[in-house]
Amino acid sequence: MATGPVTRSAVAQSQPTAADLASVRVALTAAKGRKVALGTALDALRDGRLTAAERHAIMALVHAVKMLRERAALNGVDDAGAGVELLLRDTDANERGPWATTGQIAVGARNGLATRRGSAARADVLLTVDAAVHELTHVVQFGRMSTKAKPHPALLEGIADAAAILATGDDTLGEEFFNVDASGRYRGSIRELGAHTTTGPALGHVITNYHDAVRPGTEEHAGGGVVAATFMQVRARLGRERAEQLLWAVIRDTAAWNMGGSWKDLVLSLRRQVAAVWAGDTAAASAVEAALSSTALDAAAR
């Protein structure tokens, strides 16, 4: 089932369960913007109206659901079993690429990067597994906020990037949206959060210092690099599993996101969750403080 663009070493460990397939509902945009429900992922995969690229997009999201179920014990986007909807053939996603809103991830009928990167981009890739994890994390975030919450966009993007790289073990995001060159390396990526691994440029740059990220006019995905870099520093000190455990404790911290969502709220949540998850572990607390200092994010709480 998981063939083509969704296959990668971080994913191809086991097949999704029936529950994973059932947790993804699929719809497509028809004439005049009308939405047509196709049922569960399994129902949609059997629908003859869908293209191969759309089937791969469905499976990318199913694999993302499986990955977060296994790695973060995520039981639906609300931790109570609620599923996520994948909307196919979305007009906005044709231009901007995949995006998320409350309860839903939208993809286009074509790769939105293709118009900006020409032959470097694969026109038939609508959603990659790491992009699906990123967008699914947004859905989880949105479901935990009140309607009055106004979180800083860079924090949402940085947390979603951190979730993707920790889940997949791959610090390059979205490289599978691109073709490969003669050497077998991808010709581009969405963002490079670690060592440069592609032969072409990333779509956007990242900022890894808090003071630079809060300058006026900073693009939110770039500014989110501070959050991702901080969790990468936690990973370097405590390991991938513990960094991911801390990240999801922060994501689930209602006090941080329901009415807040500032840089300071993030730092206070990190400290609060270190104390809750690893009570009495002074070495872990010191490691997280060192990670915060490395990106100057600790300054946000002064």
C-alpha atoms as a PDB file:
ATOM      1  CA  MET A   1       0.000   0.000   0.000  1.00  0.00           C
ATOM      2  CA  ALA A   2       2.792   2.451   0.928  1.00  0.00           C
ATOM      3  CA  THR A   3       4.542   2.716  -2.413  1.00  0.00           C
ATOM      4  CA  GLY A   4       6.010   5.525  -4.469  1.00  0.00           C
ATOM      5  CA  PRO A   5       6.712   8.911  -2.898  1.00  0.00           C
ATOM      6  CA  VAL A   6       5.644   7.967   0.629  1.00  0.00           C
ATOM      7  CA  THR A   7       8.238   5.214   1.074  1.00  0.00           C
ATOM      8  CA  ARG A   8      11.247   6.179   3.209  1.00  0.00           C
ATOM      9  CA  SER A   9      13.422   4.434   5.764  1.00  0.00           C
ATOM     10  CA  ALA A  10      11.730   6.167   8.698  1.00  0.00           C
ATOM     11  CA  VAL A  11       8.292   4.996   7.539  1.00  0.00           C
ATOM     12  CA  ALA A  12       8.687   1.532   6.104  1.00  0.00           C
ATOM     13  CA  GLN A  13       8.754  -0.280   9.458  1.00  0.00           C
ATOM     14  CA  SER A  14       5.236  -1.697   9.503  1.00  0.00           C
ATOM     15  CA  GLN A  15       1.973  -1.281   7.678  1.00  0.00           C
ATOM     16  CA  PRO A  16      -0.706   1.041   9.097  1.00  0.00           C
ATOM     17  CA  THR A  17      -3.475  -0.584  11.096  1.00  0.00           C
ATOM     18  CA  ALA A  18      -7.160  -0.553  10.253  1.00  0.00           C
ATOM     19  CA  ALA A  19      -7.564   2.101  12.945  1.00  0.00           C
ATOM     20  CA  ASP A  20      -4.958   4.299  11.250  1.00  0.00           C
ATOM     21  CA  LEU A  21      -6.823   4.025   7.951  1.00  0.00           C
ATOM     22  CA  ALA A  22     -10.138   4.737   9.650  1.00  0.00           C
ATOM     23  CA  SER A  23      -8.765   7.827  11.424  1.00  0.00           C
ATOM     24  CA  VAL A  24      -8.255   9.609   8.099  1.00  0.00           C
ATOM     25  CA  ARG A  25     -11.382  10.750   6.286  1.00  0.00           C
ATOM     26  CA  VAL A  26     -11.082  11.948   2.707  1.00  0.00           C
ATOM     27  CA  ALA A  27     -13.043  14.478   0.679  1.00  0.00           C
ATOM     28  CA  LEU A  28     -12.461  16.186  -2.629  1.00  0.00           C
ATOM     29  CA  THR A  29     -13.326  19.606  -3.959  1.00  0.00           C
ATOM     30  CA  ALA A  30     -15.754  19.358  -6.854  1.00  0.00           C
ATOM     31  CA  ALA A  31     -17.377  21.942  -9.131  1.00  0.00           C
ATOM     32  CA  LYS A  32     -18.090  25.373  -7.633  1.00  0.00           C
ATOM     33  CA  GLY A  33     -16.148  24.503  -4.477  1.00  0.00           C
ATOM     34  CA  ARG A  34     -18.567  21.790  -3.411  1.00  0.00           C
ATOM     35  CA  LYS A  35     -17.002  19.222  -1.061  1.00  0.00           C
ATOM     36  CA  VAL A  36     -17.667  15.552  -1.775  1.00  0.00           C
ATOM     37  CA  ALA A  37     -17.009  13.107   1.087  1.00  0.00           C
ATOM     38  CA  LEU A  38     -15.323   9.867   0.054  1.00  0.00           C
ATOM     39  CA  GLY A  39     -15.312   8.108   3.420  1.00  0.00           C
ATOM     40  CA  THR A  40     -12.302   6.707   5.224  1.00  0.00           C
ATOM     41  CA  ALA A  41      -8.845   6.406   3.720  1.00  0.00           C
ATOM     42  CA  LEU A  42      -9.598   2.809   2.788  1.00  0.00           C
ATOM     43  CA  ASP A  43     -12.816   3.828   1.041  1.00  0.00           C
ATOM     44  CA  ALA A  44     -11.024   6.587  -0.861  1.00  0.00           C
ATOM     45  CA  LEU A  45      -8.167   4.342  -1.963  1.00  0.00           C
ATOM     46  CA  ARG A  46     -10.750   2.193  -3.761  1.00  0.00           C
ATOM     47  CA  ASP A  47     -12.363   5.188  -5.491  1.00  0.00           C
ATOM     48  CA  GLY A  48     -11.632   5.154  -9.223  1.00  0.00           C
ATOM     49  CA  ARG A  49     -11.883   8.945  -9.474  1.00  0.00           C
ATOM     50  CA  LEU A  50      -8.594   9.504  -7.649  1.00  0.00           C
ATOM     51  CA  THR A  51      -5.183   9.828  -9.264  1.00  0.00           C
ATOM     52  CA  ALA A  52      -2.098   7.893  -8.189  1.00  0.00           C
ATOM     53  CA  ALA A  53      -0.715  11.103  -6.675  1.00  0.00           C
ATOM     54  CA  GLU A  54      -3.863  11.541  -4.575  1.00  0.00           C
ATOM     55  CA  ARG A  55      -3.631   7.958  -3.336  1.00  0.00           C
ATOM     56  CA  HIS A  56      -0.017   8.555  -2.338  1.00  0.00           C
ATOM     57  CA  ALA A  57      -1.102  11.706  -0.476  1.00  0.00           C
ATOM     58  CA  ILE A  58      -3.702   9.719   1.438  1.00  0.00           C
ATOM     59  CA  MET A  59      -1.102   7.140   2.413  1.00  0.00           C
ATOM     60  CA  ALA A  60       1.379   9.840   3.449  1.00  0.00           C
ATOM     61  CA  LEU A  61      -1.167  11.139   5.950  1.00  0.00           C
ATOM     62  CA  VAL A  62      -2.070   7.642   7.124  1.00  0.00           C
ATOM     63  CA  HIS A  63       1.629   6.976   7.764  1.00  0.00           C
ATOM     64  CA  ALA A  64       1.895  10.271   9.650  1.00  0.00           C
ATOM     65  CA  VAL A  65      -1.047   9.244  11.837  1.00  0.00           C
ATOM     66  CA  LYS A  66       0.615   5.877  12.459  1.00  0.00           C
ATOM     67  CA  MET A  67       3.944   7.508  13.271  1.00  0.00           C
ATOM     68  CA  LEU A  68       2.491   9.896  15.831  1.00  0.00           C
ATOM     69  CA  ARG A  69       0.350   7.146  17.338  1.00  0.00           C
ATOM     70  CA  GLU A  70       3.457   5.024  17.865  1.00  0.00           C
ATOM     71  CA  ARG A  71       5.908   7.741  18.834  1.00  0.00           C
ATOM     72  CA  ALA A  72       3.719  10.264  20.689  1.00  0.00           C
ATOM     73  CA  ALA A  73       0.815   8.018  21.801  1.00  0.00           C
ATOM     74  CA  LEU A  74      -1.480  10.334  19.861  1.00  0.00           C
ATOM     75  CA  ASN A  75      -5.030   9.016  19.932  1.00  0.00           C
ATOM     76  CA  GLY A  76      -6.671  11.132  17.280  1.00  0.00           C
ATOM     77  CA  VAL A  77      -6.031  14.828  16.902  1.00  0.00           C
ATOM     78  CA  ASP A  78      -7.665  15.482  20.275  1.00  0.00           C
ATOM     79  CA  ASP A  79      -6.207  12.491  22.183  1.00  0.00           C
ATOM     80  CA  ALA A  80      -9.762  11.178  22.292  1.00  0.00           C
ATOM     81  CA  GLY A  81      -9.911   9.432  18.934  1.00  0.00           C
ATOM     82  CA  ALA A  82     -11.092  12.236  16.646  1.00  0.00           C
ATOM     83  CA  GLY A  83      -9.832  11.756  13.111  1.00  0.00           C
ATOM     84  CA  VAL A  84      -8.505  14.207  10.550  1.00  0.00           C
ATOM     85  CA  GLU A  85      -9.930  15.029   7.137  1.00  0.00           C
ATOM     86  CA  LEU A  86      -7.759  15.190   4.028  1.00  0.00           C
ATOM     87  CA  LEU A  87      -9.259  17.528   1.441  1.00  0.00           C
ATOM     88  CA  LEU A  88      -8.073  16.820  -2.106  1.00  0.00           C
ATOM     89  CA  ARG A  89      -7.993  19.217  -5.081  1.00  0.00           C
ATOM     90  CA  ASP A  90      -8.030  22.342  -2.963  1.00  0.00           C
ATOM     91  CA  THR A  91      -7.507  25.457  -5.093  1.00  0.00           C
ATOM     92  CA  ASP A  92      -5.374  27.298  -2.536  1.00  0.00           C
ATOM     93  CA  ALA A  93      -3.131  24.258  -2.070  1.00  0.00           C
ATOM     94  CA  ASN A  94      -2.483  24.209  -5.819  1.00  0.00           C
ATOM     95  CA  GLU A  95      -0.518  27.416  -5.325  1.00  0.00           C
ATOM     96  CA  ARG A  96       0.772  27.332  -1.765  1.00  0.00           C
ATOM     97  CA  GLY A  97       1.157  23.616  -1.135  1.00  0.00           C
ATOM     98  CA  PRO A  98      -0.376  21.628   1.735  1.00  0.00           C
ATOM     99  CA  TRP A  99      -1.963  23.600   4.579  1.00  0.00           C
ATOM    100  CA  ALA A 100      -3.980  22.880   7.690  1.00  0.00           C
ATOM    101  CA  THR A 101      -6.952  24.239   9.566  1.00  0.00           C
ATOM    102  CA  THR A 102      -9.001  22.897  12.458  1.00  0.00           C
ATOM    103  CA  GLY A 103      -9.643  19.220  11.801  1.00  0.00           C
ATOM    104  CA  GLN A 104      -8.445  19.289   8.198  1.00  0.00           C
ATOM    105  CA  ILE A 105      -5.400  19.145   5.926  1.00  0.00           C
ATOM    106  CA  ALA A 106      -5.761  20.315   2.330  1.00  0.00           C
ATOM    107  CA  VAL A 107      -3.694  19.378  -0.712  1.00  0.00           C
ATOM    108  CA  GLY A 108      -4.006  20.455  -4.310  1.00  0.00           C
ATOM    109  CA  ALA A 109      -4.374  18.592  -7.566  1.00  0.00           C
ATOM    110  CA  ARG A 110      -0.726  19.379  -8.302  1.00  0.00           C
ATOM    111  CA  ASN A 111       2.459  20.136  -6.391  1.00  0.00           C
ATOM    112  CA  GLY A 112       2.302  23.803  -5.438  1.00  0.00           C
ATOM    113  CA  LEU A 113       6.107  24.043  -5.643  1.00  0.00           C
ATOM    114  CA  ALA A 114       6.178  23.160  -9.303  1.00  0.00           C
ATOM    115  CA  THR A 115       5.328  26.680 -10.474  1.00  0.00           C
ATOM    116  CA  ARG A 116       8.137  28.142  -8.348  1.00  0.00           C
ATOM    117  CA  ARG A 117      10.838  25.532  -8.872  1.00  0.00           C
ATOM    118  CA  GLY A 118      10.060  24.298 -12.374  1.00  0.00           C
ATOM    119  CA  SER A 119      11.642  20.991 -13.339  1.00  0.00           C
ATOM    120  CA  ALA A 120      13.340  20.657  -9.943  1.00  0.00           C
ATOM    121  CA  ALA A 121       9.966  19.834  -8.346  1.00  0.00           C
ATOM    122  CA  ARG A 122       7.947  16.666  -8.843  1.00  0.00           C
ATOM    123  CA  ALA A 123       4.542  17.683 -10.140  1.00  0.00           C
ATOM    124  CA  ASP A 124       2.983  14.406  -8.963  1.00  0.00           C
ATOM    125  CA  VAL A 125       3.885  14.667  -5.244  1.00  0.00           C
ATOM    126  CA  LEU A 126       1.081  16.309  -3.282  1.00  0.00           C
ATOM    127  CA  LEU A 127       2.093  15.397   0.271  1.00  0.00           C
ATOM    128  CA  THR A 128       5.186  13.826   1.825  1.00  0.00           C
ATOM    129  CA  VAL A 129       5.245  12.005   5.140  1.00  0.00           C
ATOM    130  CA  ASP A 130       7.231  14.695   6.942  1.00  0.00           C
ATOM    131  CA  ALA A 131       4.954  17.410   5.543  1.00  0.00           C
ATOM    132  CA  ALA A 132       1.974  15.334   6.692  1.00  0.00           C
ATOM    133  CA  VAL A 133       3.433  15.124  10.225  1.00  0.00           C
ATOM    134  CA  HIS A 134       4.008  18.902  10.159  1.00  0.00           C
ATOM    135  CA  GLU A 135       0.438  19.650   9.066  1.00  0.00           C
ATOM    136  CA  LEU A 136      -1.057  17.026  11.384  1.00  0.00           C
ATOM    137  CA  THR A 137       0.766  18.698  14.275  1.00  0.00           C
ATOM    138  CA  HIS A 138      -0.922  21.968  13.295  1.00  0.00           C
ATOM    139  CA  VAL A 139      -4.307  20.239  13.420  1.00  0.00           C
ATOM    140  CA  VAL A 140      -3.474  18.958  16.909  1.00  0.00           C
ATOM    141  CA  GLN A 141      -2.376  22.473  17.946  1.00  0.00           C
ATOM    142  CA  PHE A 142      -5.489  24.175  16.576  1.00  0.00           C
ATOM    143  CA  GLY A 143      -7.736  21.689  18.364  1.00  0.00           C
ATOM    144  CA  ARG A 144      -6.259  22.698  21.715  1.00  0.00           C
ATOM    145  CA  MET A 145      -6.717  26.446  21.402  1.00  0.00           C
ATOM    146  CA  SER A 146      -9.657  28.567  22.381  1.00  0.00           C
ATOM    147  CA  THR A 147     -11.103  30.885  19.764  1.00  0.00           C
ATOM    148  CA  LYS A 148      -9.468  33.754  21.655  1.00  0.00           C
ATOM    149  CA  ALA A 149      -5.961  32.332  21.490  1.00  0.00           C
ATOM    150  CA  LYS A 150      -3.482  34.268  19.371  1.00  0.00           C
ATOM    151  CA  PRO A 151      -0.285  32.170  19.368  1.00  0.00           C
ATOM    152  CA  HIS A 152       2.787  33.537  17.664  1.00  0.00           C
ATOM    153  CA  PRO A 153       2.853  31.991  14.151  1.00  0.00           C
ATOM    154  CA  ALA A 154       6.591  31.244  14.367  1.00  0.00           C
ATOM    155  CA  LEU A 155       5.995  29.071  17.434  1.00  0.00           C
ATOM    156  CA  LEU A 156       3.358  27.021  15.637  1.00  0.00           C
ATOM    157  CA  GLU A 157       5.632  26.529  12.625  1.00  0.00           C
ATOM    158  CA  GLY A 158       8.700  25.736  14.704  1.00  0.00           C
ATOM    159  CA  ILE A 159       6.864  23.191  16.837  1.00  0.00           C
ATOM    160  CA  ALA A 160       5.433  21.516  13.719  1.00  0.00           C
ATOM    161  CA  ASP A 161       8.904  21.372  12.156  1.00  0.00           C
ATOM    162  CA  ALA A 162      10.348  19.913  15.358  1.00  0.00           C
ATOM    163  CA  ALA A 163       7.597  17.280  15.451  1.00  0.00           C
ATOM    164  CA  ALA A 164       8.394  16.264  11.868  1.00  0.00           C
ATOM    165  CA  ILE A 165      12.156  15.966  12.254  1.00  0.00           C
ATOM    166  CA  LEU A 166      11.946  14.135  15.577  1.00  0.00           C
ATOM    167  CA  ALA A 167       9.312  11.702  14.311  1.00  0.00           C
ATOM    168  CA  THR A 168      11.095  10.883  11.056  1.00  0.00           C
ATOM    169  CA  GLY A 169      14.706  11.206  12.204  1.00  0.00           C
ATOM    170  CA  ASP A 170      15.346  13.396   9.146  1.00  0.00           C
ATOM    171  CA  ASP A 171      16.385  17.038   9.583  1.00  0.00           C
ATOM    172  CA  THR A 172      15.565  17.938   5.963  1.00  0.00           C
ATOM    173  CA  LEU A 173      11.905  18.718   5.380  1.00  0.00           C
ATOM    174  CA  GLY A 174      10.007  18.066   2.192  1.00  0.00           C
ATOM    175  CA  GLU A 175      12.859  16.913  -0.035  1.00  0.00           C
ATOM    176  CA  GLU A 176      10.575  14.310  -1.594  1.00  0.00           C
ATOM    177  CA  PHE A 177       8.581  17.082  -3.265  1.00  0.00           C
ATOM    178  CA  PHE A 178      11.609  17.370  -5.582  1.00  0.00           C
ATOM    179  CA  ASN A 179      13.196  15.305  -8.314  1.00  0.00           C
ATOM    180  CA  VAL A 180      16.590  13.669  -7.874  1.00  0.00           C
ATOM    181  CA  ASP A 181      19.668  14.432  -9.944  1.00  0.00           C
ATOM    182  CA  ALA A 182      22.145  12.034 -11.542  1.00  0.00           C
ATOM    183  CA  SER A 183      23.847  11.472  -8.180  1.00  0.00           C
ATOM    184  CA  GLY A 184      20.580  10.309  -6.615  1.00  0.00           C
ATOM    185  CA  ARG A 185      20.268  13.340  -4.318  1.00  0.00           C
ATOM    186  CA  TYR A 186      17.139  15.475  -4.146  1.00  0.00           C
ATOM    187  CA  ARG A 187      17.280  18.789  -5.994  1.00  0.00           C
ATOM    188  CA  GLY A 188      15.627  20.829  -3.273  1.00  0.00           C
ATOM    189  CA  SER A 189      13.699  20.829  -0.007  1.00  0.00           C
ATOM    190  CA  ILE A 190      11.235  22.884   1.992  1.00  0.00           C
ATOM    191  CA  ARG A 191      13.661  23.610   4.841  1.00  0.00           C
ATOM    192  CA  GLU A 192      17.067  22.340   5.880  1.00  0.00           C
ATOM    193  CA  LEU A 193      17.159  22.295   9.669  1.00  0.00           C
ATOM    194  CA  GLY A 194      20.402  20.350   9.941  1.00  0.00           C
ATOM    195  CA  ALA A 195      23.248  19.639   7.558  1.00  0.00           C
ATOM    196  CA  HIS A 196      22.583  20.487   3.907  1.00  0.00           C
ATOM    197  CA  THR A 197      21.629  17.199   2.240  1.00  0.00           C
ATOM    198  CA  THR A 198      20.267  18.224  -1.173  1.00  0.00           C
ATOM    199  CA  THR A 199      21.951  19.482  -4.312  1.00  0.00           C
ATOM    200  CA  GLY A 200      19.540  22.390  -4.673  1.00  0.00           C
ATOM    201  CA  PRO A 201      18.426  25.181  -2.369  1.00  0.00           C
ATOM    202  CA  ALA A 202      15.756  24.952   0.278  1.00  0.00           C
ATOM    203  CA  LEU A 203      12.523  26.838  -0.330  1.00  0.00           C
ATOM    204  CA  GLY A 204      13.089  28.996   2.738  1.00  0.00           C
ATOM    205  CA  HIS A 205      15.856  29.785   5.203  1.00  0.00           C
ATOM    206  CA  VAL A 206      15.699  29.288   8.966  1.00  0.00           C
ATOM    207  CA  ILE A 207      16.770  31.480  11.873  1.00  0.00           C
ATOM    208  CA  THR A 208      18.293  29.835  14.918  1.00  0.00           C
ATOM    209  CA  ASN A 209      18.741  32.788  17.294  1.00  0.00           C
ATOM    210  CA  TYR A 210      15.799  34.208  19.239  1.00  0.00           C
ATOM    211  CA  HIS A 211      16.933  37.839  18.985  1.00  0.00           C
ATOM    212  CA  ASP A 212      17.033  37.574  15.189  1.00  0.00           C
ATOM    213  CA  ALA A 213      13.675  35.785  15.054  1.00  0.00           C
ATOM    214  CA  VAL A 214      11.783  38.552  16.852  1.00  0.00           C
ATOM    215  CA  ARG A 215      12.920  41.329  14.536  1.00  0.00           C
ATOM    216  CA  PRO A 216       9.994  43.036  12.784  1.00  0.00           C
ATOM    217  CA  GLY A 217       8.987  41.454   9.502  1.00  0.00           C
ATOM    218  CA  THR A 218      10.529  38.044  10.154  1.00  0.00           C
ATOM    219  CA  GLU A 219       8.731  35.349   8.154  1.00  0.00           C
ATOM    220  CA  GLU A 220       7.113  32.829  10.495  1.00  0.00           C
ATOM    221  CA  HIS A 221       8.633  29.663   9.005  1.00  0.00           C
ATOM    222  CA  ALA A 222      12.089  31.201   9.204  1.00  0.00           C
ATOM    223  CA  GLY A 223      11.515  32.395  12.773  1.00  0.00           C
ATOM    224  CA  GLY A 224      10.265  28.960  13.726  1.00  0.00           C
ATOM    225  CA  GLY A 225      13.791  27.710  13.172  1.00  0.00           C
ATOM    226  CA  VAL A 226      14.597  28.900  16.698  1.00  0.00           C
ATOM    227  CA  VAL A 227      12.077  26.451  18.159  1.00  0.00           C
ATOM    228  CA  ALA A 228      13.256  23.563  15.996  1.00  0.00           C
ATOM    229  CA  ALA A 229      16.904  24.366  16.767  1.00  0.00           C
ATOM    230  CA  THR A 230      16.169  24.390  20.503  1.00  0.00           C
ATOM    231  CA  PHE A 231      14.630  20.922  20.359  1.00  0.00           C
ATOM    232  CA  MET A 232      17.535  19.736  18.219  1.00  0.00           C
ATOM    233  CA  GLN A 233      19.825  20.927  21.004  1.00  0.00           C
ATOM    234  CA  VAL A 234      17.693  19.021  23.528  1.00  0.00           C
ATOM    235  CA  ARG A 235      18.042  15.975  21.265  1.00  0.00           C
ATOM    236  CA  ALA A 236      21.817  16.380  21.179  1.00  0.00           C
ATOM    237  CA  ARG A 237      21.940  16.407  24.978  1.00  0.00           C
ATOM    238  CA  LEU A 238      19.183  13.969  25.964  1.00  0.00           C
ATOM    239  CA  GLY A 239      18.521  11.886  22.851  1.00  0.00           C
ATOM    240  CA  ARG A 240      15.752  11.791  20.298  1.00  0.00           C
ATOM    241  CA  GLU A 241      13.215   9.904  22.418  1.00  0.00           C
ATOM    242  CA  ARG A 242      13.388  12.297  25.357  1.00  0.00           C
ATOM    243  CA  ALA A 243      13.381  15.370  23.112  1.00  0.00           C
ATOM    244  CA  GLU A 244      10.240  14.075  21.430  1.00  0.00           C
ATOM    245  CA  GLN A 245       8.657  13.254  24.780  1.00  0.00           C
ATOM    246  CA  LEU A 246       9.260  16.817  25.947  1.00  0.00           C
ATOM    247  CA  LEU A 247       7.976  18.312  22.699  1.00  0.00           C
ATOM    248  CA  TRP A 248       4.657  16.489  22.907  1.00  0.00           C
ATOM    249  CA  ALA A 249       4.281  17.392  26.558  1.00  0.00           C
ATOM    250  CA  VAL A 250       4.587  21.029  25.461  1.00  0.00           C
ATOM    251  CA  ILE A 251       2.129  20.548  22.590  1.00  0.00           C
ATOM    252  CA  ARG A 252      -0.370  19.075  25.061  1.00  0.00           C
ATOM    253  CA  ASP A 253       0.175  21.880  27.583  1.00  0.00           C
ATOM    254  CA  THR A 254      -3.229  23.571  27.444  1.00  0.00           C
ATOM    255  CA  ALA A 255      -2.064  26.335  29.776  1.00  0.00           C
ATOM    256  CA  ALA A 256       0.495  27.441  27.177  1.00  0.00           C
ATOM    257  CA  TRP A 257      -1.793  27.507  24.142  1.00  0.00           C
ATOM    258  CA  ASN A 258      -5.422  27.891  25.167  1.00  0.00           C
ATOM    259  CA  MET A 259      -5.146  31.584  25.922  1.00  0.00           C
ATOM    260  CA  GLY A 260      -1.457  32.326  25.375  1.00  0.00           C
ATOM    261  CA  GLY A 261       1.120  31.330  22.801  1.00  0.00           C
ATOM    262  CA  SER A 262       3.911  33.895  23.196  1.00  0.00           C
ATOM    263  CA  TRP A 263       7.643  33.181  23.132  1.00  0.00           C
ATOM    264  CA  LYS A 264       7.604  33.518  26.917  1.00  0.00           C
ATOM    265  CA  ASP A 265       4.734  31.040  27.170  1.00  0.00           C
ATOM    266  CA  LEU A 266       6.806  28.516  25.236  1.00  0.00           C
ATOM    267  CA  VAL A 267       9.819  28.850  27.537  1.00  0.00           C
ATOM    268  CA  LEU A 268       7.655  28.612  30.654  1.00  0.00           C
ATOM    269  CA  SER A 269       5.913  25.557  29.215  1.00  0.00           C
ATOM    270  CA  LEU A 270       9.252  23.881  28.522  1.00  0.00           C
ATOM    271  CA  ARG A 271      10.361  24.456  32.090  1.00  0.00           C
ATOM    272  CA  ARG A 272       6.995  23.377  33.471  1.00  0.00           C
ATOM    273  CA  GLN A 273       7.003  20.162  31.462  1.00  0.00           C
ATOM    274  CA  VAL A 274      10.597  19.303  32.368  1.00  0.00           C
ATOM    275  CA  ALA A 275       9.551  19.460  36.015  1.00  0.00           C
ATOM    276  CA  ALA A 276       6.400  17.415  35.353  1.00  0.00           C
ATOM    277  CA  VAL A 277       7.833  14.763  33.036  1.00  0.00           C
ATOM    278  CA  TRP A 278      11.250  14.342  34.651  1.00  0.00           C
ATOM    279  CA  ALA A 279      10.574  15.333  38.243  1.00  0.00           C
ATOM    280  CA  GLY A 280      13.791  15.611  40.226  1.00  0.00           C
ATOM    281  CA  ASP A 281      16.049  14.975  37.219  1.00  0.00           C
ATOM    282  CA  THR A 282      18.382  17.935  37.593  1.00  0.00           C
ATOM    283  CA  ALA A 283      20.626  16.743  34.758  1.00  0.00           C
ATOM    284  CA  ALA A 284      17.695  16.820  32.314  1.00  0.00           C
ATOM    285  CA  ALA A 285      16.629  20.240  33.555  1.00  0.00           C
ATOM    286  CA  SER A 286      20.178  21.541  33.104  1.00  0.00           C
ATOM    287  CA  ALA A 287      20.331  20.067  29.590  1.00  0.00           C
ATOM    288  CA  VAL A 288      17.112  21.845  28.600  1.00  0.00           C
ATOM    289  CA  GLU A 289      18.380  25.127  30.056  1.00  0.00           C
ATOM    290  CA  ALA A 290      21.575  24.715  28.041  1.00  0.00           C
ATOM    291  CA  ALA A 291      19.502  24.127  24.904  1.00  0.00           C
ATOM    292  CA  LEU A 292      17.458  27.265  25.595  1.00  0.00           C
ATOM    293  CA  SER A 293      20.654  29.252  26.119  1.00  0.00           C
ATOM    294  CA  SER A 294      22.184  27.933  22.888  1.00  0.00           C
ATOM    295  CA  THR A 295      19.462  29.624  20.822  1.00  0.00           C
ATOM    296  CA  ALA A 296      19.022  32.557  23.260  1.00  0.00           C
ATOM    297  CA  LEU A 297      15.402  31.495  23.663  1.00  0.00           C
ATOM    298  CA  ASP A 298      15.790  31.729  27.441  1.00  0.00           C
ATOM    299  CA  ALA A 299      15.840  35.506  26.983  1.00  0.00           C
ATOM    300  CA  ALA A 300      12.137  35.409  26.134  1.00  0.00           C
ATOM    301  CA  ALA A 301      11.270  34.641  29.757  1.00  0.00           C
ATOM    302  CA  ARG A 302      13.436  37.305  31.394  1.00  0.00           C
END
